[in-house]
Protein backbone atom coordinates (compact mmCIF):
# COMPACT_ATOMS: atom_id res chain seq x y z
CA UNK A 1 4.57 21.70 4.82
CA UNK A 2 1.85 19.27 6.43
CA UNK A 3 2.86 16.46 8.55
CA UNK A 4 1.92 13.03 8.24
CA UNK A 5 -1.21 13.78 10.71
CA UNK A 6 -1.91 17.16 8.76
CA UNK A 7 -1.46 14.65 5.09
CA UNK A 8 -4.87 13.60 5.22
CA UNK A 9 -8.07 14.76 6.42
CA UNK A 10 -10.28 11.53 8.26
CA UNK A 11 -13.05 11.64 5.85
CA UNK A 12 -9.84 11.15 3.09
CA UNK A 13 -8.75 8.45 5.16
CA UNK A 14 -12.03 6.59 5.63
CA UNK A 15 -12.22 6.86 2.24
CA UNK A 16 -8.35 4.70 1.62
CA UNK A 17 -9.50 2.18 4.15
CA UNK A 18 -12.95 1.33 2.00
CA UNK A 19 -10.68 1.23 -0.87
CA UNK A 20 -8.44 -0.90 1.25
CA UNK A 21 -10.98 -3.40 1.40
CA UNK A 22 -12.95 -3.03 -2.19
CA UNK A 23 -9.93 -4.21 -3.45
CA UNK A 24 -9.04 -7.09 -0.82
CA UNK A 25 -12.95 -8.04 -2.38
CA UNK A 26 -10.91 -9.67 -5.10
CA UNK A 27 -7.94 -11.07 -4.08
CA UNK A 28 -6.48 -12.77 -1.23
CA UNK A 29 -3.51 -10.08 -0.72
CA UNK A 30 -3.09 -7.89 1.98
CA UNK A 31 -2.73 -4.53 1.87
CA UNK A 32 -1.80 -1.62 4.33
CA UNK A 33 -0.85 2.25 3.98
CA UNK A 34 1.81 3.68 6.05
CA UNK A 35 2.53 7.47 6.34
CA UNK A 36 5.38 8.96 8.49
CA UNK A 37 6.56 12.71 8.10
CA UNK A 38 10.35 11.37 7.54
CA UNK A 39 12.89 8.97 7.78
CA UNK A 40 16.76 9.38 6.61
CA UNK A 41 17.03 5.69 4.97
CA UNK A 42 15.96 5.78 0.94
CA UNK A 43 11.86 5.34 0.63
CA UNK A 44 12.49 1.48 -0.67
CA UNK A 45 14.54 0.14 2.23
CA UNK A 46 12.30 2.26 4.67
CA UNK A 47 9.23 0.80 3.29
CA UNK A 48 10.86 -2.74 3.55
CA UNK A 49 11.83 -1.67 7.22
CA UNK A 50 8.08 -0.59 7.51
CA UNK A 51 6.61 -3.75 5.99
CA UNK A 52 8.44 -5.70 8.77
CA UNK A 53 7.61 -3.86 11.75
CA UNK A 54 3.95 -4.11 10.85
CA UNK A 55 4.16 -8.20 10.83
CA UNK A 56 3.17 -7.97 6.97
CA UNK A 57 5.45 -11.16 6.09
CA UNK A 58 3.11 -13.12 8.42
CA UNK A 59 0.37 -13.04 5.82
CA UNK A 60 -0.10 -17.13 5.08
CA UNK A 61 0.18 -16.51 1.22
CA UNK A 62 3.60 -14.30 2.22
CA UNK A 63 0.96 -11.68 -0.01
CA UNK A 64 1.41 -8.69 1.86
CA UNK A 65 1.63 -4.73 0.25
CA UNK A 66 2.81 -2.06 1.36
CA UNK A 67 1.95 1.77 0.34
CA UNK A 68 4.90 3.74 1.54
CA UNK A 69 4.60 7.88 1.95
CA UNK A 70 7.24 9.99 3.54
CA UNK A 71 5.43 13.31 3.83
CA UNK A 72 8.44 15.84 4.40
CA UNK A 73 10.15 14.27 2.22
CA UNK A 74 8.30 13.69 -0.73
CA UNK A 75 8.91 9.95 -1.03
CA UNK A 76 6.16 7.21 -2.01
CA UNK A 77 7.42 3.23 -2.67
CA UNK A 78 5.35 -0.12 -3.00
CA UNK A 79 6.45 -3.31 -2.15
CA UNK A 80 5.43 -6.48 -1.88
CA UNK A 81 6.02 -9.86 -0.36
CA UNK A 82 7.84 -12.72 -1.46
CA UNK A 83 5.12 -14.68 -2.72
CA UNK A 84 4.26 -12.01 -4.40
CA UNK A 85 7.84 -11.47 -5.97
CA UNK A 86 8.15 -15.15 -6.43
CA UNK A 87 4.65 -14.91 -9.04
CA UNK A 88 4.90 -11.66 -10.79
CA UNK A 89 7.36 -9.81 -13.55
CA UNK A 90 9.85 -7.70 -11.72
CA UNK A 91 8.33 -4.27 -13.24
CA UNK A 92 4.84 -5.86 -11.79
CA UNK A 93 4.32 -2.56 -9.70
CA UNK A 94 5.32 0.10 -12.05
CA UNK A 95 2.42 1.39 -13.62
CA UNK A 96 0.67 1.21 -9.93
CA UNK A 97 3.72 3.57 -8.18
CA UNK A 98 2.99 5.44 -11.42
CA UNK A 99 -0.85 5.81 -11.01
CA UNK A 100 -0.06 7.03 -7.53
CA UNK A 101 2.92 9.65 -8.56
CA UNK A 102 0.85 10.57 -10.85
CA UNK A 103 -1.88 12.09 -8.73
CA UNK A 104 0.76 13.12 -6.11
CA UNK A 105 1.95 15.37 -8.44
CA UNK A 106 -0.42 17.13 -8.71
CA UNK A 107 -1.12 16.93 -4.84
CA UNK A 108 -4.32 14.54 -5.05
CA UNK A 109 -2.42 12.51 -2.53
CA UNK A 110 -6.21 10.83 -1.31
CA UNK A 111 -6.54 10.23 -5.10
CA UNK A 112 -3.49 8.25 -5.95
CA UNK A 113 -3.84 6.29 -2.65
CA UNK A 114 -7.19 5.44 -3.76
CA UNK A 115 -5.84 4.92 -7.41
CA UNK A 116 -3.41 2.55 -6.21
CA UNK A 117 -5.24 0.00 -4.25
CA UNK A 118 -7.49 -0.73 -6.34
CA UNK A 119 -5.29 -0.77 -9.22
CA UNK A 120 -2.99 -3.40 -6.74
CA UNK A 121 -6.27 -5.20 -6.16
CA UNK A 122 -7.09 -5.46 -9.62
CA UNK A 123 -3.51 -6.86 -10.49
CA UNK A 124 -3.27 -9.42 -7.67
CA UNK A 125 -6.14 -10.87 -7.95
CA UNK A 126 -4.90 -13.39 -11.15
CA UNK A 127 -1.78 -14.35 -9.45
CA UNK A 128 -3.70 -14.65 -5.31
CA UNK A 129 -7.78 -14.99 -6.37
CA UNK A 130 -9.78 -14.10 -3.51
CA UNK A 131 -11.30 -17.74 -2.30
CA UNK A 132 -14.86 -18.01 0.17
CA UNK A 133 -12.23 -18.92 3.08
CA UNK A 134 -10.06 -16.31 2.74
CA UNK A 135 -9.55 -14.21 5.87
CA UNK A 136 -8.59 -10.53 6.86
CA UNK A 137 -4.96 -11.25 8.29
CA UNK A 138 -4.42 -7.40 9.05
CA UNK A 139 -5.55 -4.71 9.98
CA UNK A 140 -7.11 -2.01 6.82
CA UNK A 141 -6.05 1.21 9.17
CA UNK A 142 -3.25 3.51 7.95
CA UNK A 143 -0.51 3.30 10.31
CA UNK A 144 1.85 6.13 11.61
CA UNK A 145 5.35 6.84 12.42
């Protein structure tokens, strides 16, 4: 079983970072990916904790999105900040989650994250379109624990 450090190659990580940059060209939303080995907490609960540890609620429009992956736990969650939750339908993330999980089931982890990130950017642009004065408020780099 791989660990968080072995989950993706350096090249795959760069493709994910590029997908984040591409997705953020469509929206003022801020997207991050966090990968860790194991947690005792349920994935959604841990994702919320990581979201706050990474300072993702500090965006001006409260429109941060976190893709959380627990490698050894084989867990995944996607969450958005309260600005997104107030603007979108309750099942907004379901199709994005399903795209990621379908790739993960085939062990295509990078492809799943890239597809999910690009889908999130497309979905977010109708609620949080990119504006000329937008600035990148959060790092696009993958975080680890």
